[in-house]
Amino acid sequence: MRMRCSPLLTSALVSLVALGAIVISPTRGGAQRTRSTPPAIAKAGSKLPAPPAEPAGPTADYYAYVGAESADMIYRIKFGPEGSKVEKAIPIGDQATEMEGPHGLQISPDGRWLFMTTGHGTPDGKYWKYELGPDTLVGPSINLGFFPASIDVTPDGLYTFSANFNLHGEMVPSSISVVYTPTNTEVAQTTTCTMPHGSRINHAGTKHYSGCMMDDMLVELDTRTYEVSGMFSLAKGKEGLVKTPEHAGHEMKVDNSEGHGASMTATCSPTWAQPASTGSLVYVTCNKTDQVIEVDASSWKITRRFQTGGGPYNLAVTPDGKYLLVTLKKGAGFEMVDLTTGQSVYRDKLSTTIGHGVAVSSDSKYAFVSSEGVGAAPGKVDVFDLVGKRKVGTVDVGQQASGIAFWKMVPRP
């Protein structure tokens, strides 16, 4: 016998179903009523769950220096709890009418000295030393090779190695200049290959690495003898150790017998060579193929390849060894690669075009990235939070911002 429901009961049942108090589920015998827990309903005035907190801001002041090639200026950048700003602008050069072009910057491990290269002027290519704080020139500048680009300093602070990029004239093998910093004296100029760039020394201070853009090669120098101790081809299909003459010293010539000589048809075009924070690994940009190649310099084998954004240019490794930081010249961007997984974990646009240099704070928390801009547009320095993976500051500097170096971190009281 069917039971009729009153209109009032029917209305009540519909309301209960809508609230979830009664769930109607189909069965072979018809509808079955089951009870379930009603959904929680927030009471008026009750607090909803708080949104995720923003990453904590800096609790210290961070300082970096950047050069502006087309302005003949160096800028001291400060980033801290109040944000980022240009704290000081320092004119450089011997002659007010001559563009010198600051390109490579590096700071001594004790934080006392800034070493700089300029690529232009008369004659081309100089080395400079500044005392940090007062930012005053220490002694006269000295001539190096043609267009000394990137520069690095040994862990004891006694020697700098500069890659003489040589933008001028014919594509011929160039060199690495070694300077004894206490007296500002060039003690060696070792011929390597065509258009060396990305001058970096390993953590032990025993080897120097550079990439040769036109020869598709990674070159290793012994920092004690200033001699070439290894050459590795990065050319597509020809990857591997390249034979070099023994005991060639400062007159070493590139062995072109296997087709690794200067070529306008480079397949990699390495612009930077960055040793890992420990061990024998070296990371090399292939600007032409949007890759970073990991080379084990003890076995001279390629161990990994990382695909990046457009035109990887300069590199840095965080002091804690977790991340590889990449500037993207064509892509006008900044990228982070997790060195454990080999995966890109963050990529962002820079504040202007032509990404250039990157420097990382000593606590591995912040990266300072320079971008050149075009024409009369100012260069810029972006500050990235490496923990929160976000851009946290931007400042304008002179035209064609290029080499950049981290100076120090000062904790707030």
Protein backbone atom coordinates (compact mmCIF):
# COMPACT_ATOMS: atom_id res chain seq x y z
CA MET A 1 0.00 0.00 0.00
CA ARG A 2 1.34 3.38 -0.93
CA MET A 3 1.61 6.02 1.73
CA ARG A 4 0.68 9.51 0.72
CA CYS A 5 2.86 12.33 2.04
CA SER A 6 1.32 15.55 3.01
CA PRO A 7 2.49 18.66 1.14
CA LEU A 8 4.12 19.91 4.34
CA LEU A 9 6.10 16.64 4.79
CA THR A 10 7.16 16.64 1.14
CA SER A 11 8.49 20.18 1.48
CA ALA A 12 10.44 19.23 4.61
CA LEU A 13 12.02 16.20 2.91
CA VAL A 14 13.17 18.31 -0.07
CA SER A 15 14.76 20.78 2.31
CA LEU A 16 16.61 18.03 4.19
CA VAL A 17 17.92 16.53 0.93
CA ALA A 18 19.15 19.93 -0.20
CA LEU A 19 21.04 20.36 3.09
CA GLY A 20 22.63 16.93 2.79
CA ALA A 21 20.94 15.52 5.88
CA ILE A 22 19.29 12.80 3.76
CA VAL A 23 20.95 11.28 0.75
CA ILE A 24 18.78 9.38 -1.75
CA SER A 25 20.68 6.62 -3.47
CA PRO A 26 19.17 4.30 -6.06
CA THR A 27 18.80 0.58 -5.23
CA ARG A 28 17.24 -2.37 -6.98
CA GLY A 29 14.24 -2.07 -4.71
CA GLY A 30 13.76 1.63 -5.24
CA ALA A 31 14.96 4.63 -3.21
CA GLN A 32 16.89 4.09 0.01
CA ARG A 33 17.21 6.76 2.63
CA THR A 34 20.53 7.03 4.48
CA ARG A 35 21.77 9.57 6.98
CA SER A 36 24.97 11.55 6.56
CA THR A 37 26.73 14.28 8.48
CA PRO A 38 25.58 17.71 7.35
CA PRO A 39 28.29 20.00 5.96
CA ALA A 40 29.83 22.47 8.34
CA ILE A 41 28.33 25.93 8.00
CA ALA A 42 30.36 28.95 9.03
CA LYS A 43 28.57 31.03 11.61
CA ALA A 44 28.25 34.73 11.02
CA GLY A 45 31.31 36.54 12.27
CA SER A 46 33.48 33.39 12.48
CA LYS A 47 37.03 33.57 11.06
CA LEU A 48 37.86 31.80 7.81
CA PRO A 49 41.25 30.06 7.41
CA ALA A 50 44.03 32.63 6.89
CA PRO A 51 45.63 32.77 3.41
CA PRO A 52 49.24 31.54 3.09
CA ALA A 53 51.64 34.04 4.58
CA GLU A 54 53.93 36.03 2.31
CA PRO A 55 57.58 34.90 2.48
CA ALA A 56 59.47 36.74 5.19
CA GLY A 57 61.37 39.82 4.08
CA PRO A 58 65.08 40.42 4.63
CA THR A 59 66.35 40.82 8.17
CA ALA A 60 69.75 42.11 7.04
CA ASP A 61 71.16 44.66 4.61
CA TYR A 62 72.71 43.27 1.42
CA TYR A 63 75.17 45.12 -0.81
CA ALA A 64 76.28 44.57 -4.41
CA TYR A 65 78.24 46.50 -7.04
CA VAL A 66 77.32 46.72 -10.72
CA GLY A 67 79.02 48.35 -13.69
CA ALA A 68 77.31 50.34 -16.46
CA GLU A 69 79.35 50.10 -19.66
CA SER A 70 77.85 53.00 -21.58
CA ALA A 71 77.78 55.33 -18.57
CA ASP A 72 81.33 54.72 -17.24
CA MET A 73 79.89 54.27 -13.76
CA ILE A 74 79.89 51.75 -10.95
CA TYR A 75 76.88 51.64 -8.62
CA ARG A 76 76.60 50.33 -5.09
CA ILE A 77 73.21 48.69 -4.57
CA LYS A 78 71.65 48.25 -1.13
CA PHE A 79 68.76 45.87 -0.44
CA GLY A 80 67.16 45.47 2.97
CA PRO A 81 63.93 45.68 4.96
CA GLU A 82 63.17 49.09 3.41
CA GLY A 83 63.60 47.79 -0.14
CA SER A 84 66.28 48.33 -2.78
CA LYS A 85 68.09 51.51 -3.80
CA VAL A 86 71.25 52.88 -5.40
CA GLU A 87 73.34 53.92 -2.42
CA LYS A 88 76.29 55.36 -4.33
CA ALA A 89 77.41 56.11 -7.90
CA ILE A 90 81.14 56.07 -8.68
CA PRO A 91 82.53 57.52 -11.94
CA ILE A 92 85.37 55.48 -13.44
CA GLY A 93 88.02 56.01 -16.11
CA ASP A 94 91.20 57.96 -16.82
CA GLN A 95 89.77 60.49 -19.26
CA ALA A 96 86.39 62.20 -19.09
CA THR A 97 86.16 62.25 -22.90
CA GLU A 98 86.99 58.54 -23.32
CA MET A 99 84.47 55.72 -22.78
CA GLU A 100 86.23 52.99 -20.81
CA GLY A 101 83.29 50.56 -20.43
CA PRO A 102 83.30 48.69 -17.06
CA HIS A 103 82.45 45.09 -17.85
CA GLY A 104 83.78 42.58 -15.33
CA LEU A 105 83.55 43.03 -11.54
CA GLN A 106 84.70 40.81 -8.70
CA ILE A 107 85.29 41.36 -4.99
CA SER A 108 88.11 39.93 -2.88
CA PRO A 109 87.12 37.19 -0.42
CA ASP A 110 87.86 39.49 2.55
CA GLY A 111 85.54 42.17 1.14
CA ARG A 112 88.24 44.86 1.04
CA TRP A 113 88.83 45.25 -2.70
CA LEU A 114 86.87 45.52 -5.91
CA PHE A 115 88.63 44.28 -9.06
CA MET A 116 87.28 45.53 -12.37
CA THR A 117 87.99 45.24 -16.07
CA THR A 118 87.12 47.78 -18.74
CA GLY A 119 86.80 46.71 -22.36
CA HIS A 120 87.17 50.00 -24.22
CA GLY A 121 89.36 53.08 -24.08
CA THR A 122 92.78 53.82 -25.55
CA PRO A 123 94.39 51.33 -25.70
CA ASP A 124 91.73 48.66 -25.33
CA GLY A 125 91.41 46.74 -22.10
CA LYS A 126 92.43 47.59 -18.53
CA TYR A 127 92.42 46.23 -14.98
CA TRP A 128 91.46 48.41 -11.99
CA LYS A 129 91.51 47.98 -8.21
CA TYR A 130 89.26 49.90 -5.78
CA GLU A 131 89.15 50.01 -1.99
CA LEU A 132 85.59 49.24 -0.94
CA GLY A 133 83.75 51.57 1.43
CA PRO A 134 85.42 54.78 0.33
CA ASP A 135 85.36 53.28 -3.22
CA THR A 136 88.65 54.90 -4.20
CA LEU A 137 91.08 53.76 -6.88
CA VAL A 138 94.17 51.97 -5.58
CA GLY A 139 97.12 52.72 -7.85
CA PRO A 140 96.97 53.27 -11.61
CA SER A 141 95.08 51.00 -13.98
CA ILE A 142 97.12 48.55 -16.07
CA ASN A 143 96.69 47.32 -19.63
CA LEU A 144 95.59 43.75 -20.29
CA GLY A 145 94.58 42.08 -23.59
CA PHE A 146 91.88 43.22 -26.00
CA PHE A 147 88.48 43.65 -24.31
CA PRO A 148 89.04 41.90 -20.96
CA ALA A 149 85.50 40.84 -20.09
CA SER A 150 84.74 38.66 -17.05
CA ILE A 151 87.13 38.49 -14.09
CA ASP A 152 87.53 36.28 -11.00
CA VAL A 153 89.86 36.17 -8.00
CA THR A 154 91.57 33.26 -6.25
CA PRO A 155 90.33 32.30 -2.75
CA ASP A 156 93.45 33.88 -1.17
CA GLY A 157 92.78 37.15 -2.98
CA LEU A 158 96.25 37.30 -4.49
CA TYR A 159 95.53 36.70 -8.19
CA THR A 160 92.83 37.67 -10.66
CA PHE A 161 92.13 35.88 -13.94
CA SER A 162 90.51 37.86 -16.75
CA ALA A 163 89.20 36.54 -20.06
CA ASN A 164 90.38 38.77 -22.93
CA PHE A 165 87.29 38.46 -25.11
CA ASN A 166 88.75 40.41 -28.07
CA LEU A 167 85.79 41.86 -29.93
CA HIS A 168 88.04 43.68 -32.36
CA GLY A 169 89.62 42.65 -35.64
CA GLU A 170 89.93 39.11 -36.93
CA MET A 171 88.68 36.02 -35.12
CA VAL A 172 91.98 34.79 -33.74
CA PRO A 173 92.85 32.95 -30.51
CA SER A 174 92.90 35.24 -27.49
CA SER A 175 94.11 34.86 -23.91
CA ILE A 176 93.60 34.86 -20.15
CA SER A 177 95.42 37.59 -18.17
CA VAL A 178 96.69 36.84 -14.67
CA VAL A 179 97.31 39.79 -12.31
CA TYR A 180 99.10 39.75 -8.96
CA THR A 181 96.77 41.96 -6.92
CA PRO A 182 99.07 43.34 -4.16
CA THR A 183 101.15 45.18 -6.78
CA ASN A 184 98.68 45.34 -9.70
CA THR A 185 101.12 43.48 -11.95
CA GLU A 186 100.21 41.26 -14.91
CA VAL A 187 102.28 38.11 -14.43
CA ALA A 188 100.98 35.98 -17.32
CA GLN A 189 98.89 36.13 -20.46
CA THR A 190 98.06 32.60 -21.60
CA THR A 191 96.73 32.03 -25.11
CA THR A 192 93.70 29.75 -25.11
CA CYS A 193 91.16 30.03 -27.94
CA THR A 194 88.80 32.38 -29.75
CA MET A 195 86.62 34.77 -27.70
CA PRO A 196 87.12 33.40 -24.16
CA HIS A 197 84.43 34.46 -21.68
CA GLY A 198 83.01 33.48 -18.28
CA SER A 199 86.19 33.62 -16.21
CA ARG A 200 85.66 31.54 -13.06
CA ILE A 201 87.91 29.74 -10.55
CA ASN A 202 86.94 26.53 -8.73
CA HIS A 203 86.24 26.44 -4.99
CA ALA A 204 89.70 24.98 -4.24
CA GLY A 205 91.45 27.76 -6.16
CA THR A 206 93.43 25.27 -8.25
CA LYS A 207 91.72 25.56 -11.66
CA HIS A 208 90.35 28.36 -13.80
CA TYR A 209 87.60 27.80 -16.38
CA SER A 210 86.35 29.78 -19.36
CA GLY A 211 84.18 29.12 -22.40
CA CYS A 212 85.30 29.99 -25.93
CA MET A 213 82.33 31.23 -27.91
CA MET A 214 83.72 30.72 -31.40
CA ASP A 215 85.55 27.46 -30.73
CA ASP A 216 82.77 25.66 -28.81
CA MET A 217 85.22 24.77 -26.05
CA LEU A 218 85.58 24.70 -22.28
CA VAL A 219 89.18 25.54 -21.27
CA GLU A 220 90.84 24.70 -17.95
CA LEU A 221 93.95 26.50 -16.67
CA ASP A 222 96.18 25.44 -13.79
CA THR A 223 96.22 28.46 -11.46
CA ARG A 224 99.71 27.60 -10.19
CA THR A 225 101.47 27.29 -13.55
CA TYR A 226 99.09 29.45 -15.66
CA GLU A 227 99.18 26.67 -18.29
CA VAL A 228 96.26 25.08 -20.10
CA SER A 229 95.53 21.76 -18.37
CA GLY A 230 92.45 20.68 -20.31
CA MET A 231 90.29 21.55 -23.33
CA PHE A 232 86.86 20.04 -23.80
CA SER A 233 84.84 20.31 -27.01
CA LEU A 234 81.18 21.24 -26.64
CA ALA A 235 80.48 21.09 -30.39
CA LYS A 236 77.45 18.99 -31.29
CA GLY A 237 78.52 15.44 -32.15
CA LYS A 238 82.14 16.18 -31.18
CA GLU A 239 81.84 16.39 -27.41
CA GLY A 240 84.95 15.25 -25.61
CA LEU A 241 88.48 16.04 -24.49
CA VAL A 242 90.60 17.83 -27.09
CA LYS A 243 94.31 17.08 -27.35
CA THR A 244 96.61 19.92 -26.34
CA PRO A 245 100.40 20.19 -26.74
CA GLU A 246 102.29 19.27 -23.60
CA HIS A 247 104.39 21.91 -21.82
CA ALA A 248 103.13 24.61 -24.18
CA GLY A 249 102.90 27.19 -21.37
CA HIS A 250 102.09 30.72 -22.33
CA GLU A 251 102.62 30.07 -26.05
CA MET A 252 100.10 27.24 -26.19
CA LYS A 253 98.30 26.99 -29.56
CA VAL A 254 94.91 25.44 -30.16
CA ASP A 255 94.97 22.05 -31.87
CA ASN A 256 92.61 22.41 -34.84
CA SER A 257 93.27 18.95 -36.30
CA GLU A 258 89.86 17.69 -35.18
CA GLY A 259 87.91 20.68 -36.46
CA HIS A 260 87.66 22.62 -33.18
CA GLY A 261 89.22 25.83 -34.47
CA ALA A 262 87.52 29.21 -34.79
CA SER A 263 84.24 28.94 -36.62
CA MET A 264 81.28 31.17 -37.30
CA THR A 265 79.11 28.06 -37.27
CA ALA A 266 79.44 27.30 -33.56
CA THR A 267 76.79 24.85 -32.38
CA CYS A 268 77.00 25.70 -28.65
CA SER A 269 78.61 29.17 -28.30
CA PRO A 270 79.56 28.88 -24.61
CA THR A 271 79.44 32.24 -22.85
CA TRP A 272 80.10 31.16 -19.26
CA ALA A 273 81.81 28.43 -17.24
CA GLN A 274 80.80 28.10 -13.60
CA PRO A 275 82.36 25.51 -11.24
CA ALA A 276 80.11 23.88 -8.65
CA SER A 277 80.35 24.96 -5.00
CA THR A 278 82.23 21.72 -4.28
CA GLY A 279 83.62 18.85 -6.32
CA SER A 280 84.75 18.75 -9.95
CA LEU A 281 81.57 19.66 -11.83
CA VAL A 282 81.55 22.68 -14.16
CA TYR A 283 78.40 24.22 -15.66
CA VAL A 284 78.71 25.71 -19.13
CA THR A 285 76.11 27.77 -21.01
CA CYS A 286 75.29 26.87 -24.58
CA ASN A 287 73.89 30.24 -25.59
CA LYS A 288 72.98 29.03 -29.05
CA THR A 289 70.93 25.96 -28.04
CA ASP A 290 69.31 27.25 -24.81
CA GLN A 291 71.08 24.67 -22.67
CA VAL A 292 73.43 24.44 -19.71
CA ILE A 293 75.82 21.49 -19.90
CA GLU A 294 77.21 19.85 -16.76
CA VAL A 295 80.78 18.60 -17.29
CA ASP A 296 82.73 16.48 -14.81
CA ALA A 297 86.23 17.95 -15.10
CA SER A 298 87.82 14.95 -13.36
CA SER A 299 86.59 12.39 -15.93
CA TRP A 300 85.93 14.95 -18.72
CA LYS A 301 82.45 13.58 -19.36
CA ILE A 302 79.13 15.32 -19.87
CA THR A 303 76.94 14.21 -16.98
CA ARG A 304 73.72 16.22 -17.52
CA ARG A 305 72.06 18.78 -19.79
CA PHE A 306 69.56 21.37 -18.55
CA GLN A 307 67.15 23.03 -20.98
CA THR A 308 66.64 26.72 -20.19
CA GLY A 309 64.89 29.81 -21.47
CA GLY A 310 66.21 31.81 -24.40
CA GLY A 311 69.94 32.53 -24.57
CA PRO A 312 71.51 31.46 -21.24
CA TYR A 313 74.38 33.89 -20.70
CA ASN A 314 75.88 34.14 -17.20
CA LEU A 315 75.75 31.66 -14.31
CA ALA A 316 76.16 31.46 -10.55
CA VAL A 317 75.82 28.62 -8.04
CA THR A 318 74.37 29.36 -4.62
CA PRO A 319 76.95 28.91 -1.83
CA ASP A 320 74.84 26.12 -0.32
CA GLY A 321 75.08 24.23 -3.62
CA LYS A 322 71.31 23.88 -4.10
CA TYR A 323 70.64 26.03 -7.15
CA LEU A 324 72.18 27.01 -10.45
CA LEU A 325 71.21 30.60 -11.32
CA VAL A 326 70.96 31.52 -15.00
CA THR A 327 70.55 34.86 -16.77
CA LEU A 328 68.73 34.71 -20.10
CA LYS A 329 70.09 37.24 -22.57
CA LYS A 330 67.64 36.67 -25.42
CA GLY A 331 64.79 35.80 -23.10
CA ALA A 332 65.42 38.84 -20.85
CA GLY A 333 64.87 36.57 -17.88
CA PHE A 334 66.21 34.89 -14.76
CA GLU A 335 65.99 31.16 -14.05
CA MET A 336 66.68 28.80 -11.14
CA VAL A 337 67.64 25.14 -11.65
CA ASP A 338 67.48 22.69 -8.75
CA LEU A 339 70.84 20.90 -8.89
CA THR A 340 69.50 17.83 -7.10
CA THR A 341 66.69 17.11 -9.56
CA GLY A 342 68.03 18.98 -12.59
CA GLN A 343 64.64 20.66 -13.00
CA SER A 344 63.89 24.33 -13.55
CA VAL A 345 61.98 25.53 -10.49
CA TYR A 346 61.53 29.23 -11.25
CA ARG A 347 61.72 31.55 -14.25
CA ASP A 348 60.76 35.21 -14.39
CA LYS A 349 61.09 38.21 -16.68
CA LEU A 350 63.64 40.91 -15.90
CA SER A 351 62.65 44.57 -15.67
CA THR A 352 64.24 45.42 -19.01
CA THR A 353 65.79 43.72 -22.02
CA ILE A 354 69.11 41.86 -22.45
CA GLY A 355 69.80 39.91 -19.29
CA HIS A 356 73.47 40.01 -18.29
CA GLY A 357 75.08 39.21 -14.92
CA VAL A 358 74.06 37.49 -11.69
CA ALA A 359 75.53 37.59 -8.18
CA VAL A 360 74.24 35.70 -5.16
CA SER A 361 74.29 36.63 -1.47
CA SER A 362 76.57 34.76 0.91
CA ASP A 363 73.57 33.23 2.72
CA SER A 364 72.10 31.86 -0.56
CA LYS A 365 68.86 33.84 -0.05
CA TYR A 366 69.01 36.59 -2.68
CA ALA A 367 70.24 37.06 -6.25
CA PHE A 368 71.16 40.37 -7.86
CA VAL A 369 70.64 40.33 -11.64
CA SER A 370 71.72 43.03 -14.11
CA SER A 371 70.04 43.73 -17.44
CA GLU A 372 71.45 46.08 -20.04
CA GLY A 373 68.46 47.77 -21.68
CA VAL A 374 68.70 49.31 -25.15
CA GLY A 375 69.89 52.71 -26.34
CA ALA A 376 69.31 55.53 -23.89
CA ALA A 377 67.11 53.39 -21.63
CA PRO A 378 68.62 52.83 -18.17
CA GLY A 379 70.07 49.52 -17.17
CA LYS A 380 68.44 47.80 -14.22
CA VAL A 381 69.26 45.55 -11.30
CA ASP A 382 66.54 43.16 -10.10
CA VAL A 383 66.67 41.46 -6.71
CA PHE A 384 65.17 37.97 -6.45
CA ASP A 385 64.17 36.11 -3.29
CA LEU A 386 65.54 32.61 -3.86
CA VAL A 387 63.54 31.12 -0.98
CA GLY A 388 60.18 32.61 -1.90
CA LYS A 389 61.00 32.49 -5.64
CA ARG A 390 59.83 35.98 -6.47
CA LYS A 391 61.17 39.37 -7.55
CA VAL A 392 61.44 41.69 -4.54
CA GLY A 393 63.26 44.78 -5.81
CA THR A 394 64.34 46.78 -8.86
CA VAL A 395 66.60 49.81 -9.26
CA ASP A 396 67.64 51.89 -12.27
CA VAL A 397 71.34 52.32 -13.03
CA GLY A 398 73.31 53.64 -16.01
CA GLN A 399 73.00 52.39 -19.57
CA GLN A 400 74.18 48.88 -20.40
CA ALA A 401 74.40 47.40 -16.90
CA SER A 402 76.77 44.44 -17.08
CA GLY A 403 79.16 42.89 -14.57
CA ILE A 404 77.83 42.52 -11.03
CA ALA A 405 79.35 41.27 -7.76
CA PHE A 406 77.99 40.67 -4.26
CA TRP A 407 79.85 42.56 -1.53
CA LYS A 408 78.51 41.81 1.94
CA MET A 409 75.57 41.08 4.23
CA VAL A 410 75.12 43.13 7.42
CA PRO A 411 72.59 41.70 9.93
CA ARG A 412 70.18 44.15 11.53
CA PRO A 413 70.44 44.50 15.33
